[in-house]
Protein backbone atom coordinates (compact mmCIF):
# COMPACT_ATOMS: atom_id res chain seq x y z
CA UNK A 1 1.41 -4.52 -4.44
CA UNK A 2 4.46 -4.68 -4.32
CA UNK A 3 5.83 -8.25 -5.27
CA UNK A 4 3.73 -11.22 -6.38
CA UNK A 5 5.39 -14.79 -7.14
CA UNK A 6 8.14 -17.28 -6.25
CA UNK A 7 9.38 -16.89 -2.79
CA UNK A 8 13.11 -16.80 -4.88
CA UNK A 9 12.55 -14.28 -7.04
CA UNK A 10 11.84 -11.61 -4.08
CA UNK A 11 15.14 -12.46 -2.09
CA UNK A 12 17.16 -10.48 -4.19
CA UNK A 13 14.53 -7.98 -5.40
CA UNK A 14 15.11 -4.13 -3.98
CA UNK A 15 12.19 -1.71 -3.09
CA UNK A 16 11.78 1.25 -3.64
CA UNK A 17 8.84 2.68 -2.15
CA UNK A 18 6.84 5.30 -4.64
CA UNK A 19 6.52 7.70 -1.79
CA UNK A 20 7.14 11.20 -2.36
CA UNK A 21 9.08 10.87 1.25
CA UNK A 22 13.00 10.05 1.78
CA UNK A 23 13.37 6.52 3.34
CA UNK A 24 17.21 6.27 2.79
CA UNK A 25 17.58 4.84 -0.38
CA UNK A 26 15.53 1.07 -1.53
CA UNK A 27 15.03 -1.85 0.60
CA UNK A 28 15.76 -5.03 0.72
CA UNK A 29 14.03 -8.45 1.62
CA UNK A 30 16.23 -8.76 4.76
CA UNK A 31 15.63 -5.05 5.96
CA UNK A 32 12.03 -6.30 6.87
CA UNK A 33 11.69 -9.86 6.49
CA UNK A 34 13.58 -10.21 10.37
CA UNK A 35 11.38 -7.51 11.76
CA UNK A 36 7.98 -9.03 13.09
CA UNK A 37 5.51 -5.69 13.50
CA UNK A 38 4.69 -6.79 17.02
CA UNK A 39 8.42 -5.78 17.97
CA UNK A 40 8.09 -2.61 16.99
CA UNK A 41 6.01 -1.45 20.03
CA UNK A 42 9.12 -2.13 21.70
CA UNK A 43 11.33 0.09 19.94
CA UNK A 44 8.75 3.15 19.63
CA UNK A 45 6.62 2.80 22.73
CA UNK A 46 2.97 1.21 23.16
CA UNK A 47 1.00 4.73 22.58
CA UNK A 48 2.91 5.38 18.45
CA UNK A 49 2.94 1.62 18.16
CA UNK A 50 -1.40 1.62 18.98
CA UNK A 51 -1.26 5.05 16.13
CA UNK A 52 0.41 2.81 13.50
CA UNK A 53 -1.97 0.42 14.76
CA UNK A 54 -5.20 2.41 14.12
CA UNK A 55 -4.34 4.46 11.17
CA UNK A 56 -3.35 1.55 9.16
CA UNK A 57 -6.34 -0.56 10.18
CA UNK A 58 -4.35 -3.68 11.24
CA UNK A 59 -5.78 -6.48 13.48
CA UNK A 60 -4.30 -9.46 15.31
CA UNK A 61 -5.60 -12.82 13.96
CA UNK A 62 -6.67 -13.29 17.68
CA UNK A 63 -4.40 -16.14 18.74
CA UNK A 64 -2.16 -16.61 21.25
CA UNK A 65 0.82 -14.82 19.97
CA UNK A 66 -2.01 -11.64 18.54
CA UNK A 67 0.18 -11.44 15.37
CA UNK A 68 -1.09 -8.35 13.28
CA UNK A 69 -2.30 -8.94 9.63
CA UNK A 70 -2.62 -6.83 6.88
CA UNK A 71 -3.85 -7.15 3.14
CA UNK A 72 -4.72 -10.64 2.16
CA UNK A 73 -4.87 -11.79 5.98
CA UNK A 74 -0.56 -11.77 5.61
CA UNK A 75 1.47 -11.04 8.34
CA UNK A 76 2.68 -7.69 9.26
CA UNK A 77 6.51 -6.33 8.97
CA UNK A 78 8.70 -3.13 9.08
CA UNK A 79 11.82 -1.82 8.00
CA UNK A 80 12.80 1.07 9.93
CA UNK A 81 15.21 4.42 8.36
CA UNK A 82 15.33 6.65 11.04
CA UNK A 83 12.60 7.99 11.97
CA UNK A 84 10.89 6.37 8.81
CA UNK A 85 8.91 3.21 9.75
CA UNK A 86 7.86 1.19 6.53
CA UNK A 87 5.34 -1.44 7.43
CA UNK A 88 4.83 -4.47 5.01
CA UNK A 89 2.44 -7.37 4.72
CA UNK A 90 4.36 -10.42 3.18
CA UNK A 91 3.33 -14.23 3.13
CA UNK A 92 2.86 -16.98 1.21
CA UNK A 93 -0.87 -16.41 -0.19
CA UNK A 94 -1.12 -19.96 -2.16
CA UNK A 95 1.40 -22.77 -2.32
CA UNK A 96 4.98 -21.54 -3.49
CA UNK A 97 3.19 -17.77 -4.54
CA UNK A 98 4.07 -15.19 -2.31
CA UNK A 99 2.95 -11.77 -2.35
CA UNK A 100 4.67 -7.97 -0.60
CA UNK A 101 2.41 -5.52 0.02
CA UNK A 102 3.67 -1.32 1.05
CA UNK A 103 0.89 -1.15 3.87
CA UNK A 104 2.11 2.48 4.74
CA UNK A 105 5.01 4.89 5.67
CA UNK A 106 4.83 6.20 9.22
CA UNK A 107 7.74 9.32 9.98
CA UNK A 108 8.40 10.92 13.82
CA UNK A 109 6.80 14.15 13.68
CA UNK A 110 9.81 15.13 15.85
């Protein structure tokens, strides 16, 4: 878990994943909040997207839009930095309480 608190608190928070992988600096809320995980398929291609879904253990909500969910059934978002993709689960967990999880980091092999 990267964050647990009110939405206003996360808007100005910087995230520095402790991964040992160079992701090009800190990640801000706006770096991922507008990047729905489902849109990643069109950016990296079907096979690479399915590989991330499988290794991340992500499932869809089964609804009309097939939105992917992560920890605590929160919606998935991504941040792309060059060949590195950082996936987060974020959303309202309880009224006025938001959670953010780092779901994983994937790097291109080429």
